[in-house]
Amino acid sequence: MRGIVYAILGILTGWLIWGLFTKDFETNFLFMYIFGLISGYDQEKGKLAG
């Protein structure tokens, strides 16, 4: 569980740094990445459980 929190923090940090350099803080990609990460995590967790 700690790994997914660090991954989300990494996504947010990368989004902030990219936004500072490009002056483009588009949230659509941010939410797509976070949703994809969480859904992939849940799917793999289900496969490992049974």
PDB file of N, CA and C in Angstrom:
ATOM      1  N   MET A   1       0.825  -1.185   0.000  1.00  0.00           N
ATOM      2  CA  MET A   1       0.000   0.000   0.000  1.00  0.00           C
ATOM      3  C   MET A   1       0.875   1.257   0.000  1.00  0.00           C
ATOM      4  N   ARG A   2       2.006   1.187   0.650  1.00  0.00           N
ATOM      5  CA  ARG A   2       2.897   2.335   0.694  1.00  0.00           C
ATOM      6  C   ARG A   2       3.431   2.657  -0.707  1.00  0.00           C
ATOM      7  N   GLY A   3       3.627   1.626  -1.514  1.00  0.00           N
ATOM      8  CA  GLY A   3       4.136   1.823  -2.869  1.00  0.00           C
ATOM      9  C   GLY A   3       3.188   2.617  -3.741  1.00  0.00           C
ATOM     10  N   ILE A   4       1.887   2.355  -3.609  1.00  0.00           N
ATOM     11  CA  ILE A   4       0.917   3.087  -4.426  1.00  0.00           C
ATOM     12  C   ILE A   4       0.837   4.548  -3.990  1.00  0.00           C
ATOM     13  N   VAL A   5       1.004   4.816  -2.711  1.00  0.00           N
ATOM     14  CA  VAL A   5       1.002   6.202  -2.232  1.00  0.00           C
ATOM     15  C   VAL A   5       2.215   6.942  -2.786  1.00  0.00           C
ATOM     16  N   TYR A   6       3.381   6.294  -2.762  1.00  0.00           N
ATOM     17  CA  TYR A   6       4.577   6.912  -3.321  1.00  0.00           C
ATOM     18  C   TYR A   6       4.441   7.129  -4.825  1.00  0.00           C
ATOM     19  N   ALA A   7       3.791   6.190  -5.511  1.00  0.00           N
ATOM     20  CA  ALA A   7       3.588   6.352  -6.946  1.00  0.00           C
ATOM     21  C   ALA A   7       2.677   7.544  -7.237  1.00  0.00           C
ATOM     22  N   ILE A   8       1.620   7.706  -6.467  1.00  0.00           N
ATOM     23  CA  ILE A   8       0.722   8.850  -6.663  1.00  0.00           C
ATOM     24  C   ILE A   8       1.451  10.147  -6.351  1.00  0.00           C
ATOM     25  N   LEU A   9       2.266  10.172  -5.304  1.00  0.00           N
ATOM     26  CA  LEU A   9       3.053  11.368  -4.999  1.00  0.00           C
ATOM     27  C   LEU A   9       4.054  11.674  -6.116  1.00  0.00           C
ATOM     28  N   GLY A  10       4.620  10.642  -6.703  1.00  0.00           N
ATOM     29  CA  GLY A  10       5.528  10.838  -7.832  1.00  0.00           C
ATOM     30  C   GLY A  10       4.813  11.403  -9.048  1.00  0.00           C
ATOM     31  N   ILE A  11       3.603  10.925  -9.302  1.00  0.00           N
ATOM     32  CA  ILE A  11       2.811  11.452 -10.410  1.00  0.00           C
ATOM     33  C   ILE A  11       2.489  12.921 -10.172  1.00  0.00           C
ATOM     34  N   LEU A  12       2.073  13.262  -8.955  1.00  0.00           N
ATOM     35  CA  LEU A  12       1.762  14.659  -8.637  1.00  0.00           C
ATOM     36  C   LEU A  12       2.995  15.556  -8.759  1.00  0.00           C
ATOM     37  N   THR A  13       4.133  15.071  -8.287  1.00  0.00           N
ATOM     38  CA  THR A  13       5.356  15.855  -8.379  1.00  0.00           C
ATOM     39  C   THR A  13       5.760  16.066  -9.833  1.00  0.00           C
ATOM     40  N   GLY A  14       5.699  15.025 -10.630  1.00  0.00           N
ATOM     41  CA  GLY A  14       6.012  15.155 -12.048  1.00  0.00           C
ATOM     42  C   GLY A  14       5.060  16.100 -12.761  1.00  0.00           C
ATOM     43  N   TRP A  15       3.795  16.044 -12.409  1.00  0.00           N
ATOM     44  CA  TRP A  15       2.798  16.939 -13.000  1.00  0.00           C
ATOM     45  C   TRP A  15       3.085  18.394 -12.637  1.00  0.00           C
ATOM     46  N   LEU A  16       3.452  18.641 -11.381  1.00  0.00           N
ATOM     47  CA  LEU A  16       3.773  20.001 -10.952  1.00  0.00           C
ATOM     48  C   LEU A  16       5.025  20.537 -11.646  1.00  0.00           C
ATOM     49  N   ILE A  17       6.055  19.717 -11.738  1.00  0.00           N
ATOM     50  CA  ILE A  17       7.286  20.152 -12.399  1.00  0.00           C
ATOM     51  C   ILE A  17       7.027  20.404 -13.878  1.00  0.00           C
ATOM     52  N   TRP A  18       6.310  19.505 -14.543  1.00  0.00           N
ATOM     53  CA  TRP A  18       5.981  19.685 -15.960  1.00  0.00           C
ATOM     54  C   TRP A  18       5.150  20.951 -16.150  1.00  0.00           C
ATOM     55  N   GLY A  19       4.207  21.194 -15.262  1.00  0.00           N
ATOM     56  CA  GLY A  19       3.374  22.385 -15.350  1.00  0.00           C
ATOM     57  C   GLY A  19       4.160  23.667 -15.148  1.00  0.00           C
ATOM     58  N   LEU A  20       5.153  23.640 -14.278  1.00  0.00           N
ATOM     59  CA  LEU A  20       5.972  24.829 -14.067  1.00  0.00           C
ATOM     60  C   LEU A  20       6.801  25.176 -15.303  1.00  0.00           C
ATOM     61  N   PHE A  21       7.324  24.159 -15.980  1.00  0.00           N
ATOM     62  CA  PHE A  21       8.141  24.415 -17.162  1.00  0.00           C
ATOM     63  C   PHE A  21       7.306  24.789 -18.382  1.00  0.00           C
ATOM     64  N   THR A  22       6.134  24.196 -18.519  1.00  0.00           N
ATOM     65  CA  THR A  22       5.331  24.430 -19.715  1.00  0.00           C
ATOM     66  C   THR A  22       4.180  25.395 -19.485  1.00  0.00           C
ATOM     67  N   LYS A  23       3.934  25.775 -18.243  1.00  0.00           N
ATOM     68  CA  LYS A  23       2.798  26.646 -17.883  1.00  0.00           C
ATOM     69  C   LYS A  23       1.469  26.029 -18.317  1.00  0.00           C
ATOM     70  N   ASP A  24       1.397  24.698 -18.285  1.00  0.00           N
ATOM     71  CA  ASP A  24       0.200  23.979 -18.713  1.00  0.00           C
ATOM     72  C   ASP A  24      -0.152  22.953 -17.640  1.00  0.00           C
ATOM     73  N   PHE A  25      -1.050  23.323 -16.741  1.00  0.00           N
ATOM     74  CA  PHE A  25      -1.471  22.427 -15.668  1.00  0.00           C
ATOM     75  C   PHE A  25      -2.775  21.742 -16.057  1.00  0.00           C
ATOM     76  N   GLU A  26      -2.715  20.864 -17.054  1.00  0.00           N
ATOM     77  CA  GLU A  26      -3.908  20.163 -17.493  1.00  0.00           C
ATOM     78  C   GLU A  26      -4.163  18.971 -16.571  1.00  0.00           C
ATOM     79  N   THR A  27      -5.358  18.924 -16.005  1.00  0.00           N
ATOM     80  CA  THR A  27      -5.649  17.897 -15.008  1.00  0.00           C
ATOM     81  C   THR A  27      -6.200  16.613 -15.615  1.00  0.00           C
ATOM     82  N   ASN A  28      -6.595  16.620 -16.883  1.00  0.00           N
ATOM     83  CA  ASN A  28      -7.154  15.408 -17.483  1.00  0.00           C
ATOM     84  C   ASN A  28      -6.151  14.264 -17.439  1.00  0.00           C
ATOM     85  N   PHE A  29      -4.916  14.520 -17.857  1.00  0.00           N
ATOM     86  CA  PHE A  29      -3.899  13.467 -17.854  1.00  0.00           C
ATOM     87  C   PHE A  29      -3.526  13.051 -16.441  1.00  0.00           C
ATOM     88  N   LEU A  30      -3.515  13.998 -15.536  1.00  0.00           N
ATOM     89  CA  LEU A  30      -3.207  13.682 -14.143  1.00  0.00           C
ATOM     90  C   LEU A  30      -4.204  12.671 -13.591  1.00  0.00           C
ATOM     91  N   PHE A  31      -5.479  12.922 -13.788  1.00  0.00           N
ATOM     92  CA  PHE A  31      -6.493  12.003 -13.269  1.00  0.00           C
ATOM     93  C   PHE A  31      -6.495  10.675 -14.017  1.00  0.00           C
ATOM     94  N   MET A  32      -6.181  10.691 -15.310  1.00  0.00           N
ATOM     95  CA  MET A  32      -6.088   9.430 -16.057  1.00  0.00           C
ATOM     96  C   MET A  32      -4.948   8.569 -15.525  1.00  0.00           C
ATOM     97  N   TYR A  33      -3.802   9.166 -15.256  1.00  0.00           N
ATOM     98  CA  TYR A  33      -2.673   8.411 -14.727  1.00  0.00           C
ATOM     99  C   TYR A  33      -2.979   7.827 -13.357  1.00  0.00           C
ATOM    100  N   ILE A  34      -3.563   8.638 -12.490  1.00  0.00           N
ATOM    101  CA  ILE A  34      -3.878   8.164 -11.144  1.00  0.00           C
ATOM    102  C   ILE A  34      -4.950   7.082 -11.193  1.00  0.00           C
ATOM    103  N   PHE A  35      -5.979   7.257 -12.019  1.00  0.00           N
ATOM    104  CA  PHE A  35      -7.023   6.241 -12.144  1.00  0.00           C
ATOM    105  C   PHE A  35      -6.457   4.942 -12.707  1.00  0.00           C
ATOM    106  N   GLY A  36      -5.600   5.053 -13.705  1.00  0.00           N
ATOM    107  CA  GLY A  36      -4.973   3.859 -14.281  1.00  0.00           C
ATOM    108  C   GLY A  36      -4.094   3.136 -13.281  1.00  0.00           C
ATOM    109  N   LEU A  37      -3.369   3.890 -12.492  1.00  0.00           N
ATOM    110  CA  LEU A  37      -2.509   3.286 -11.475  1.00  0.00           C
ATOM    111  C   LEU A  37      -3.330   2.540 -10.439  1.00  0.00           C
ATOM    112  N   ILE A  38      -4.384   3.159  -9.956  1.00  0.00           N
ATOM    113  CA  ILE A  38      -5.215   2.528  -8.928  1.00  0.00           C
ATOM    114  C   ILE A  38      -5.958   1.320  -9.480  1.00  0.00           C
ATOM    115  N   SER A  39      -6.498   1.429 -10.683  1.00  0.00           N
ATOM    116  CA  SER A  39      -7.231   0.289 -11.246  1.00  0.00           C
ATOM    117  C   SER A  39      -6.284  -0.865 -11.559  1.00  0.00           C
ATOM    118  N   GLY A  40      -5.087  -0.581 -12.040  1.00  0.00           N
ATOM    119  CA  GLY A  40      -4.101  -1.635 -12.280  1.00  0.00           C
ATOM    120  C   GLY A  40      -3.660  -2.305 -10.992  1.00  0.00           C
ATOM    121  N   TYR A  41      -3.509  -1.513  -9.960  1.00  0.00           N
ATOM    122  CA  TYR A  41      -3.132  -2.057  -8.650  1.00  0.00           C
ATOM    123  C   TYR A  41      -4.229  -2.989  -8.128  1.00  0.00           C
ATOM    124  N   ASP A  42      -5.485  -2.565  -8.256  1.00  0.00           N
ATOM    125  CA  ASP A  42      -6.595  -3.393  -7.784  1.00  0.00           C
ATOM    126  C   ASP A  42      -6.706  -4.693  -8.585  1.00  0.00           C
ATOM    127  N   GLN A  43      -6.478  -4.638  -9.886  1.00  0.00           N
ATOM    128  CA  GLN A  43      -6.562  -5.839 -10.707  1.00  0.00           C
ATOM    129  C   GLN A  43      -5.462  -6.827 -10.343  1.00  0.00           C
ATOM    130  N   GLU A  44      -4.247  -6.340 -10.177  1.00  0.00           N
ATOM    131  CA  GLU A  44      -3.158  -7.235  -9.800  1.00  0.00           C
ATOM    132  C   GLU A  44      -3.339  -7.799  -8.402  1.00  0.00           C
ATOM    133  N   LYS A  45      -3.873  -7.002  -7.508  1.00  0.00           N
ATOM    134  CA  LYS A  45      -4.125  -7.468  -6.154  1.00  0.00           C
ATOM    135  C   LYS A  45      -5.161  -8.590  -6.170  1.00  0.00           C
ATOM    136  N   GLY A  46      -6.159  -8.466  -7.034  1.00  0.00           N
ATOM    137  CA  GLY A  46      -7.182  -9.512  -7.166  1.00  0.00           C
ATOM    138  C   GLY A  46      -6.619 -10.790  -7.765  1.00  0.00           C
ATOM    139  N   LYS A  47      -5.698 -10.677  -8.716  1.00  0.00           N
ATOM    140  CA  LYS A  47      -5.096 -11.859  -9.328  1.00  0.00           C
ATOM    141  C   LYS A  47      -4.234 -12.623  -8.326  1.00  0.00           C
ATOM    142  N   LEU A  48      -3.533 -11.884  -7.486  1.00  0.00           N
ATOM    143  CA  LEU A  48      -2.664 -12.533  -6.508  1.00  0.00           C
ATOM    144  C   LEU A  48      -3.444 -13.218  -5.405  1.00  0.00           C
ATOM    145  N   ALA A  49      -4.622 -12.665  -5.096  1.00  0.00           N
ATOM    146  CA  ALA A  49      -5.425 -13.229  -4.013  1.00  0.00           C
ATOM    147  C   ALA A  49      -6.105 -14.524  -4.421  1.00  0.00           C
ATOM    148  N   GLY A  50      -6.402 -14.667  -5.683  1.00  0.00           N
ATOM    149  CA  GLY A  50      -7.030 -15.924  -6.043  1.00  0.00           C
ATOM    150  C   GLY A  50      -7.632 -15.841  -7.338  1.00  0.00           C
TER     151      GLY A  50
END
